[in-house]
Amino acid sequence: MKTRNLLLLFLSLHLSLLAQEDISDEAIRIPMINLNAAFHIPGGDLDNRFGNSALFGVGFQLKNKNNIYWGFDGAGLTGSTIVEDNIINIISADSIDIIDLNGNTASVRFWERGAHAQFVLGKIFPVLAPNKNSGLFVQAGLGYMYHKIRIEDIGNQSPQLNSDLLKGYDRLSMGISTSEFIGYRYFSNSQKINFFIGIEFIQAFTQDVRQYDYNAQTAYQDKRLDFLSGLKFGWTFPLYKKSDNKYYYY
């Protein structure tokens, strides 16, 4: 019975300490889920293939009491501007149109698609902040990126663009990436408004992975250096235990 009482006392003390943790008073441990969006300008080899793009993602991070955090981010890459103009010239009648099964001009659209996943490590500096958990931050990431040209045949009436043949035209590229992120993170004292915003830079060391380029009629041997840079912002859902401002005495 005494052992049980001691365990209950220990648990009560532990819970009371958690309850007394207040984000407005001290730097605390915060697990968090982030929903984010980024809008980038391409650079390097990517600038020769795509225009501006966006990344929409989700991540999980854990911040300790020293304001150091680490975690994982994953995002989908999308864009609507394709710079390359010789994607399917070899199967188009006049370098512009494709004739479908019915002898009509097929409606074909091109999009940028891809994804980026990374492990991140960062540090928050409580500058211009409402509490010790907020402020300016720097972050570095190591991950993996892929991108390709999505070729969409509206109506699926063109056998020249079936799912297998598309692999010879989509320029699928992938490889290791690094990133840097500088910005500002805000945790409100009320725990209701939590966000971050800043400038992100991504460098991806990619390579075309398809074995053969149907349009050029050559094997791919293209090692690439792809850059993305732009504005990133997100909304944070902290998972810390809310304070009830109660104190317990035994």
C-alpha atoms as a PDB file:
ATOM      1  CA  MET A   1       0.000   0.000   0.000  1.00  0.00           C
ATOM      2  CA  LYS A   2       2.856   2.370   0.866  1.00  0.00           C
ATOM      3  CA  THR A   3       4.532   1.652  -2.487  1.00  0.00           C
ATOM      4  CA  ARG A   4       1.299   2.434  -4.289  1.00  0.00           C
ATOM      5  CA  ASN A   5       0.917   5.715  -2.404  1.00  0.00           C
ATOM      6  CA  LEU A   6       4.494   6.702  -3.219  1.00  0.00           C
ATOM      7  CA  LEU A   7       3.901   5.992  -6.921  1.00  0.00           C
ATOM      8  CA  LEU A   8       0.720   8.061  -6.891  1.00  0.00           C
ATOM      9  CA  LEU A   9       2.553  10.876  -5.143  1.00  0.00           C
ATOM     10  CA  PHE A  10       5.384  10.772  -7.694  1.00  0.00           C
ATOM     11  CA  LEU A  11       2.940  10.825 -10.627  1.00  0.00           C
ATOM     12  CA  SER A  12       1.014  13.707  -9.081  1.00  0.00           C
ATOM     13  CA  LEU A  13       4.186  15.714  -8.596  1.00  0.00           C
ATOM     14  CA  HIS A  14       5.283  14.994 -12.173  1.00  0.00           C
ATOM     15  CA  LEU A  15       1.927  16.067 -13.593  1.00  0.00           C
ATOM     16  CA  SER A  16       1.916  19.194 -11.471  1.00  0.00           C
ATOM     17  CA  LEU A  17       5.326  20.191 -12.824  1.00  0.00           C
ATOM     18  CA  LEU A  18       4.069  19.714 -16.356  1.00  0.00           C
ATOM     19  CA  ALA A  19       1.004  21.765 -15.603  1.00  0.00           C
ATOM     20  CA  GLN A  20       3.128  24.587 -14.211  1.00  0.00           C
ATOM     21  CA  GLU A  21       5.201  24.855 -17.419  1.00  0.00           C
ATOM     22  CA  ASP A  22       4.294  28.169 -19.013  1.00  0.00           C
ATOM     23  CA  ILE A  23       5.492  29.197 -22.468  1.00  0.00           C
ATOM     24  CA  SER A  24       5.419  32.858 -21.474  1.00  0.00           C
ATOM     25  CA  ASP A  25       7.879  32.344 -18.592  1.00  0.00           C
ATOM     26  CA  GLU A  26      10.557  29.978 -19.857  1.00  0.00           C
ATOM     27  CA  ALA A  27      11.906  28.025 -22.821  1.00  0.00           C
ATOM     28  CA  ILE A  28      10.135  24.676 -22.824  1.00  0.00           C
ATOM     29  CA  ARG A  29      10.119  21.417 -24.744  1.00  0.00           C
ATOM     30  CA  ILE A  30       7.613  21.585 -27.642  1.00  0.00           C
ATOM     31  CA  PRO A  31       6.716  18.764 -30.023  1.00  0.00           C
ATOM     32  CA  MET A  32       4.970  20.300 -33.031  1.00  0.00           C
ATOM     33  CA  ILE A  33       3.314  19.577 -36.351  1.00  0.00           C
ATOM     34  CA  ASN A  34       3.815  22.110 -39.152  1.00  0.00           C
ATOM     35  CA  LEU A  35       1.729  22.735 -42.259  1.00  0.00           C
ATOM     36  CA  ASN A  36       3.688  24.842 -44.719  1.00  0.00           C
ATOM     37  CA  ALA A  37       3.799  26.342 -48.203  1.00  0.00           C
ATOM     38  CA  ALA A  38       6.745  27.701 -50.160  1.00  0.00           C
ATOM     39  CA  PHE A  39       6.954  29.641 -53.411  1.00  0.00           C
ATOM     40  CA  HIS A  40      10.263  29.336 -55.239  1.00  0.00           C
ATOM     41  CA  ILE A  41      12.235  30.741 -58.150  1.00  0.00           C
ATOM     42  CA  PRO A  42      14.334  28.098 -59.948  1.00  0.00           C
ATOM     43  CA  GLY A  43      18.056  28.366 -60.556  1.00  0.00           C
ATOM     44  CA  GLY A  44      20.889  26.341 -62.012  1.00  0.00           C
ATOM     45  CA  ASP A  45      19.823  23.554 -64.375  1.00  0.00           C
ATOM     46  CA  LEU A  46      16.267  23.728 -63.064  1.00  0.00           C
ATOM     47  CA  ASP A  47      15.874  27.181 -64.586  1.00  0.00           C
ATOM     48  CA  ASN A  48      16.332  25.655 -68.057  1.00  0.00           C
ATOM     49  CA  ARG A  49      13.430  23.260 -67.525  1.00  0.00           C
ATOM     50  CA  PHE A  50      10.815  24.880 -65.282  1.00  0.00           C
ATOM     51  CA  GLY A  51       9.460  28.240 -64.216  1.00  0.00           C
ATOM     52  CA  ASN A  52       8.385  29.295 -60.728  1.00  0.00           C
ATOM     53  CA  SER A  53       7.019  26.537 -58.514  1.00  0.00           C
ATOM     54  CA  ALA A  54       5.414  25.836 -55.142  1.00  0.00           C
ATOM     55  CA  LEU A  55       5.966  23.290 -52.377  1.00  0.00           C
ATOM     56  CA  PHE A  56       3.116  22.283 -50.047  1.00  0.00           C
ATOM     57  CA  GLY A  57       4.078  20.104 -47.131  1.00  0.00           C
ATOM     58  CA  VAL A  58       3.780  18.817 -43.585  1.00  0.00           C
ATOM     59  CA  GLY A  59       6.397  18.055 -40.966  1.00  0.00           C
ATOM     60  CA  PHE A  60       7.048  17.063 -37.388  1.00  0.00           C
ATOM     61  CA  GLN A  61       9.658  18.736 -35.185  1.00  0.00           C
ATOM     62  CA  LEU A  62      10.741  18.557 -31.579  1.00  0.00           C
ATOM     63  CA  LYS A  63      12.163  21.637 -29.836  1.00  0.00           C
ATOM     64  CA  ASN A  64      14.061  21.226 -26.575  1.00  0.00           C
ATOM     65  CA  LYS A  65      14.540  23.675 -23.720  1.00  0.00           C
ATOM     66  CA  ASN A  66      17.710  25.018 -25.370  1.00  0.00           C
ATOM     67  CA  ASN A  67      15.643  26.100 -28.398  1.00  0.00           C
ATOM     68  CA  ILE A  68      17.337  23.530 -30.618  1.00  0.00           C
ATOM     69  CA  TYR A  69      14.917  21.558 -32.760  1.00  0.00           C
ATOM     70  CA  TRP A  70      15.075  18.673 -35.212  1.00  0.00           C
ATOM     71  CA  GLY A  71      12.569  16.746 -37.266  1.00  0.00           C
ATOM     72  CA  PHE A  72      11.307  15.726 -40.678  1.00  0.00           C
ATOM     73  CA  ASP A  73       9.581  17.628 -43.495  1.00  0.00           C
ATOM     74  CA  GLY A  74       7.920  16.305 -46.639  1.00  0.00           C
ATOM     75  CA  ALA A  75       6.365  18.353 -49.450  1.00  0.00           C
ATOM     76  CA  GLY A  76       4.882  17.988 -52.909  1.00  0.00           C
ATOM     77  CA  LEU A  77       6.344  20.079 -55.725  1.00  0.00           C
ATOM     78  CA  THR A  78       4.083  21.644 -58.344  1.00  0.00           C
ATOM     79  CA  GLY A  79       4.347  24.186 -61.148  1.00  0.00           C
ATOM     80  CA  SER A  80       2.623  25.104 -64.399  1.00  0.00           C
ATOM     81  CA  THR A  81       5.448  26.637 -66.458  1.00  0.00           C
ATOM     82  CA  ILE A  82       7.604  24.363 -68.631  1.00  0.00           C
ATOM     83  CA  VAL A  83      10.563  26.091 -70.266  1.00  0.00           C
ATOM     84  CA  GLU A  84      11.792  23.192 -72.409  1.00  0.00           C
ATOM     85  CA  ASP A  85       9.999  23.156 -75.762  1.00  0.00           C
ATOM     86  CA  ASN A  86      11.252  19.921 -77.324  1.00  0.00           C
ATOM     87  CA  ILE A  87       9.575  17.436 -75.034  1.00  0.00           C
ATOM     88  CA  ILE A  88       7.599  15.355 -77.563  1.00  0.00           C
ATOM     89  CA  ASN A  89       8.662  16.816 -80.914  1.00  0.00           C
ATOM     90  CA  ILE A  90       9.463  13.396 -82.335  1.00  0.00           C
ATOM     91  CA  ILE A  91       5.832  12.227 -82.146  1.00  0.00           C
ATOM     92  CA  SER A  92       4.075  15.477 -83.057  1.00  0.00           C
ATOM     93  CA  ALA A  93       3.005  16.105 -86.636  1.00  0.00           C
ATOM     94  CA  ASP A  94       4.330  19.658 -86.879  1.00  0.00           C
ATOM     95  CA  SER A  95       6.382  20.032 -83.677  1.00  0.00           C
ATOM     96  CA  ILE A  96       3.237  21.290 -81.946  1.00  0.00           C
ATOM     97  CA  ASP A  97       0.325  18.845 -82.306  1.00  0.00           C
ATOM     98  CA  ILE A  98      -0.262  15.149 -81.701  1.00  0.00           C
ATOM     99  CA  ILE A  99      -2.906  13.283 -83.712  1.00  0.00           C
ATOM    100  CA  ASP A 100      -5.114  10.995 -81.599  1.00  0.00           C
ATOM    101  CA  LEU A 101      -6.933   7.754 -82.471  1.00  0.00           C
ATOM    102  CA  ASN A 102      -9.789   9.664 -84.107  1.00  0.00           C
ATOM    103  CA  GLY A 103      -7.533  11.729 -86.360  1.00  0.00           C
ATOM    104  CA  ASN A 104      -8.071  14.843 -84.267  1.00  0.00           C
ATOM    105  CA  THR A 105      -5.525  17.069 -82.615  1.00  0.00           C
ATOM    106  CA  ALA A 106      -4.952  15.761 -79.097  1.00  0.00           C
ATOM    107  CA  SER A 107      -5.138  18.091 -76.150  1.00  0.00           C
ATOM    108  CA  VAL A 108      -1.863  17.710 -74.237  1.00  0.00           C
ATOM    109  CA  ARG A 109      -0.831  19.684 -71.183  1.00  0.00           C
ATOM    110  CA  PHE A 110       2.498  19.861 -69.372  1.00  0.00           C
ATOM    111  CA  TRP A 111       3.090  20.401 -65.660  1.00  0.00           C
ATOM    112  CA  GLU A 112       5.954  20.357 -63.203  1.00  0.00           C
ATOM    113  CA  ARG A 113       5.576  17.684 -60.530  1.00  0.00           C
ATOM    114  CA  GLY A 114       7.839  16.311 -57.827  1.00  0.00           C
ATOM    115  CA  ALA A 115       8.515  16.000 -54.114  1.00  0.00           C
ATOM    116  CA  HIS A 116      11.073  16.958 -51.496  1.00  0.00           C
ATOM    117  CA  ALA A 117      11.700  15.204 -48.172  1.00  0.00           C
ATOM    118  CA  GLN A 118      14.349  16.159 -45.641  1.00  0.00           C
ATOM    119  CA  PHE A 119      15.648  15.894 -42.091  1.00  0.00           C
ATOM    120  CA  VAL A 120      16.078  19.317 -40.493  1.00  0.00           C
ATOM    121  CA  LEU A 121      18.071  20.757 -37.597  1.00  0.00           C
ATOM    122  CA  GLY A 122      17.599  24.299 -36.368  1.00  0.00           C
ATOM    123  CA  LYS A 123      18.097  26.818 -33.582  1.00  0.00           C
ATOM    124  CA  ILE A 124      15.751  29.567 -32.357  1.00  0.00           C
ATOM    125  CA  PHE A 125      17.199  32.806 -30.973  1.00  0.00           C
ATOM    126  CA  PRO A 126      14.727  34.736 -28.766  1.00  0.00           C
ATOM    127  CA  VAL A 127      15.152  38.079 -30.534  1.00  0.00           C
ATOM    128  CA  LEU A 128      12.174  40.436 -31.051  1.00  0.00           C
ATOM    129  CA  ALA A 129      10.049  37.749 -29.411  1.00  0.00           C
ATOM    130  CA  PRO A 130       7.104  37.677 -26.972  1.00  0.00           C
ATOM    131  CA  ASN A 131       8.728  34.797 -25.043  1.00  0.00           C
ATOM    132  CA  LYS A 132      11.881  32.679 -24.887  1.00  0.00           C
ATOM    133  CA  ASN A 133      10.497  30.075 -27.314  1.00  0.00           C
ATOM    134  CA  SER A 134      10.003  32.493 -30.208  1.00  0.00           C
ATOM    135  CA  GLY A 135      12.342  34.560 -32.337  1.00  0.00           C
ATOM    136  CA  LEU A 136      14.743  34.461 -35.243  1.00  0.00           C
ATOM    137  CA  PHE A 137      15.885  31.012 -36.361  1.00  0.00           C
ATOM    138  CA  VAL A 138      18.346  29.304 -38.676  1.00  0.00           C
ATOM    139  CA  GLN A 139      17.805  25.814 -40.074  1.00  0.00           C
ATOM    140  CA  ALA A 140      19.741  23.333 -42.211  1.00  0.00           C
ATOM    141  CA  GLY A 141      18.368  20.280 -43.990  1.00  0.00           C
ATOM    142  CA  LEU A 142      19.547  17.103 -45.696  1.00  0.00           C
ATOM    143  CA  GLY A 143      17.132  15.228 -47.906  1.00  0.00           C
ATOM    144  CA  TYR A 144      16.063  13.909 -51.276  1.00  0.00           C
ATOM    145  CA  MET A 145      14.256  15.522 -54.196  1.00  0.00           C
ATOM    146  CA  TYR A 146      12.715  14.370 -57.425  1.00  0.00           C
ATOM    147  CA  HIS A 147      11.029  16.277 -60.244  1.00  0.00           C
ATOM    148  CA  LYS A 148       9.599  15.472 -63.657  1.00  0.00           C
ATOM    149  CA  ILE A 149       7.461  16.830 -66.463  1.00  0.00           C
ATOM    150  CA  ARG A 150       3.913  15.543 -66.095  1.00  0.00           C
ATOM    151  CA  ILE A 151       2.452  15.032 -69.571  1.00  0.00           C
ATOM    152  CA  GLU A 152      -1.350  14.923 -69.487  1.00  0.00           C
ATOM    153  CA  ASP A 153      -3.271  13.637 -72.480  1.00  0.00           C
ATOM    154  CA  ILE A 154      -6.802  14.985 -72.007  1.00  0.00           C
ATOM    155  CA  GLY A 155      -9.188  12.149 -72.843  1.00  0.00           C
ATOM    156  CA  ASN A 156      -6.424   9.516 -73.096  1.00  0.00           C
ATOM    157  CA  GLN A 157      -6.938   9.119 -76.852  1.00  0.00           C
ATOM    158  CA  SER A 158      -3.261   9.133 -77.893  1.00  0.00           C
ATOM    159  CA  PRO A 159      -1.473   5.744 -77.874  1.00  0.00           C
ATOM    160  CA  GLN A 160       1.821   7.615 -78.360  1.00  0.00           C
ATOM    161  CA  LEU A 161       1.437   8.821 -74.766  1.00  0.00           C
ATOM    162  CA  ASN A 162       0.468   5.683 -72.866  1.00  0.00           C
ATOM    163  CA  SER A 163       1.794   5.163 -69.354  1.00  0.00           C
ATOM    164  CA  ASP A 164       4.854   3.183 -70.475  1.00  0.00           C
ATOM    165  CA  LEU A 165       5.905   5.510 -73.287  1.00  0.00           C
ATOM    166  CA  LEU A 166       5.535   8.597 -71.104  1.00  0.00           C
ATOM    167  CA  LYS A 167       8.584   7.452 -69.150  1.00  0.00           C
ATOM    168  CA  GLY A 168      10.703   8.242 -72.199  1.00  0.00           C
ATOM    169  CA  TYR A 169       9.572  11.870 -72.241  1.00  0.00           C
ATOM    170  CA  ASP A 170       9.009  12.966 -68.631  1.00  0.00           C
ATOM    171  CA  ARG A 171      12.687  13.792 -67.757  1.00  0.00           C
ATOM    172  CA  LEU A 172      12.371  12.216 -64.297  1.00  0.00           C
ATOM    173  CA  SER A 173      15.321  13.396 -62.186  1.00  0.00           C
ATOM    174  CA  MET A 174      16.192  12.717 -58.554  1.00  0.00           C
ATOM    175  CA  GLY A 175      18.994  13.026 -56.054  1.00  0.00           C
ATOM    176  CA  ILE A 176      20.332  14.222 -52.701  1.00  0.00           C
ATOM    177  CA  SER A 177      19.454  17.732 -51.537  1.00  0.00           C
ATOM    178  CA  THR A 178      20.642  20.246 -48.976  1.00  0.00           C
ATOM    179  CA  SER A 179      18.763  23.297 -47.721  1.00  0.00           C
ATOM    180  CA  GLU A 180      19.078  26.438 -45.622  1.00  0.00           C
ATOM    181  CA  PHE A 181      16.214  28.337 -44.018  1.00  0.00           C
ATOM    182  CA  ILE A 182      16.402  31.698 -42.230  1.00  0.00           C
ATOM    183  CA  GLY A 183      13.329  33.243 -40.681  1.00  0.00           C
ATOM    184  CA  TYR A 184      11.154  34.066 -37.699  1.00  0.00           C
ATOM    185  CA  ARG A 185       9.095  31.692 -35.548  1.00  0.00           C
ATOM    186  CA  TYR A 186       6.285  32.845 -33.279  1.00  0.00           C
ATOM    187  CA  PHE A 187       4.638  30.989 -30.387  1.00  0.00           C
ATOM    188  CA  SER A 188       1.984  33.149 -28.761  1.00  0.00           C
ATOM    189  CA  ASN A 189       1.660  33.300 -24.988  1.00  0.00           C
ATOM    190  CA  SER A 190      -1.999  32.394 -25.395  1.00  0.00           C
ATOM    191  CA  GLN A 191      -0.915  29.256 -27.338  1.00  0.00           C
ATOM    192  CA  LYS A 192      -3.442  30.075 -30.073  1.00  0.00           C
ATOM    193  CA  ILE A 193      -1.320  31.754 -32.763  1.00  0.00           C
ATOM    194  CA  ASN A 194       1.805  29.865 -33.836  1.00  0.00           C
ATOM    195  CA  PHE A 195       3.559  30.364 -37.178  1.00  0.00           C
ATOM    196  CA  PHE A 196       6.878  30.774 -38.968  1.00  0.00           C
ATOM    197  CA  ILE A 197       8.027  32.636 -42.065  1.00  0.00           C
ATOM    198  CA  GLY A 198      11.347  33.067 -43.835  1.00  0.00           C
ATOM    199  CA  ILE A 199      13.560  32.598 -46.879  1.00  0.00           C
ATOM    200  CA  GLU A 200      14.458  29.073 -48.000  1.00  0.00           C
ATOM    201  CA  PHE A 201      17.273  27.894 -50.272  1.00  0.00           C
ATOM    202  CA  ILE A 202      17.430  24.356 -51.702  1.00  0.00           C
ATOM    203  CA  GLN A 203      20.260  22.729 -53.657  1.00  0.00           C
ATOM    204  CA  ALA A 204      19.522  19.367 -55.285  1.00  0.00           C
ATOM    205  CA  PHE A 205      22.225  17.197 -56.878  1.00  0.00           C
ATOM    206  CA  THR A 206      20.020  15.251 -59.273  1.00  0.00           C
ATOM    207  CA  GLN A 207      20.380  13.064 -62.321  1.00  0.00           C
ATOM    208  CA  ASP A 208      17.984  11.985 -65.049  1.00  0.00           C
ATOM    209  CA  VAL A 209      17.111   8.408 -64.129  1.00  0.00           C
ATOM    210  CA  ARG A 210      15.231   7.214 -67.217  1.00  0.00           C
ATOM    211  CA  GLN A 211      17.365   4.919 -69.319  1.00  0.00           C
ATOM    212  CA  TYR A 212      16.492   6.497 -72.656  1.00  0.00           C
ATOM    213  CA  ASP A 213      15.248   9.836 -74.000  1.00  0.00           C
ATOM    214  CA  TYR A 214      12.768   8.998 -76.778  1.00  0.00           C
ATOM    215  CA  ASN A 215      12.740  12.532 -78.136  1.00  0.00           C
ATOM    216  CA  ALA A 216      16.538  12.889 -78.396  1.00  0.00           C
ATOM    217  CA  GLN A 217      16.950   9.173 -79.177  1.00  0.00           C
ATOM    218  CA  THR A 218      19.897   8.960 -76.811  1.00  0.00           C
ATOM    219  CA  ALA A 219      20.584   7.550 -73.366  1.00  0.00           C
ATOM    220  CA  TYR A 220      20.327   9.962 -70.450  1.00  0.00           C
ATOM    221  CA  GLN A 221      23.679  10.947 -68.983  1.00  0.00           C
ATOM    222  CA  ASP A 222      22.636  14.229 -67.461  1.00  0.00           C
ATOM    223  CA  LYS A 223      23.963  15.147 -63.999  1.00  0.00           C
ATOM    224  CA  ARG A 224      22.232  18.260 -62.744  1.00  0.00           C
ATOM    225  CA  LEU A 225      22.546  20.981 -60.123  1.00  0.00           C
ATOM    226  CA  ASP A 226      19.053  22.289 -59.344  1.00  0.00           C
ATOM    227  CA  PHE A 227      18.367  25.329 -57.176  1.00  0.00           C
ATOM    228  CA  LEU A 228      15.187  26.627 -55.548  1.00  0.00           C
ATOM    229  CA  SER A 229      14.965  29.830 -53.516  1.00  0.00           C
ATOM    230  CA  GLY A 230      12.025  31.772 -52.189  1.00  0.00           C
ATOM    231  CA  LEU A 231       9.520  32.512 -49.441  1.00  0.00           C
ATOM    232  CA  LYS A 232       8.285  29.803 -47.069  1.00  0.00           C
ATOM    233  CA  PHE A 233       5.681  30.125 -44.356  1.00  0.00           C
ATOM    234  CA  GLY A 234       3.660  27.780 -42.205  1.00  0.00           C
ATOM    235  CA  TRP A 235       1.240  27.262 -39.349  1.00  0.00           C
ATOM    236  CA  THR A 236       2.347  25.310 -36.285  1.00  0.00           C
ATOM    237  CA  PHE A 237       0.265  23.039 -34.064  1.00  0.00           C
ATOM    238  CA  PRO A 238       2.179  22.653 -30.750  1.00  0.00           C
ATOM    239  CA  LEU A 239       1.608  19.442 -28.831  1.00  0.00           C
ATOM    240  CA  TYR A 240       2.801  20.610 -25.414  1.00  0.00           C
ATOM    241  CA  LYS A 241       0.579  20.221 -22.382  1.00  0.00           C
ATOM    242  CA  LYS A 242      -1.362  23.377 -21.633  1.00  0.00           C
ATOM    243  CA  SER A 243      -0.798  25.070 -18.332  1.00  0.00           C
ATOM    244  CA  ASP A 244      -3.773  25.271 -15.949  1.00  0.00           C
ATOM    245  CA  ASN A 245      -1.905  27.658 -13.583  1.00  0.00           C
ATOM    246  CA  LYS A 246      -2.674  25.412 -10.609  1.00  0.00           C
ATOM    247  CA  TYR A 247      -0.207  24.534  -7.876  1.00  0.00           C
ATOM    248  CA  TYR A 248      -0.295  21.400  -5.790  1.00  0.00           C
ATOM    249  CA  TYR A 249       0.915  20.916  -2.212  1.00  0.00           C
ATOM    250  CA  TYR A 250       1.466  17.696  -0.308  1.00  0.00           C
END
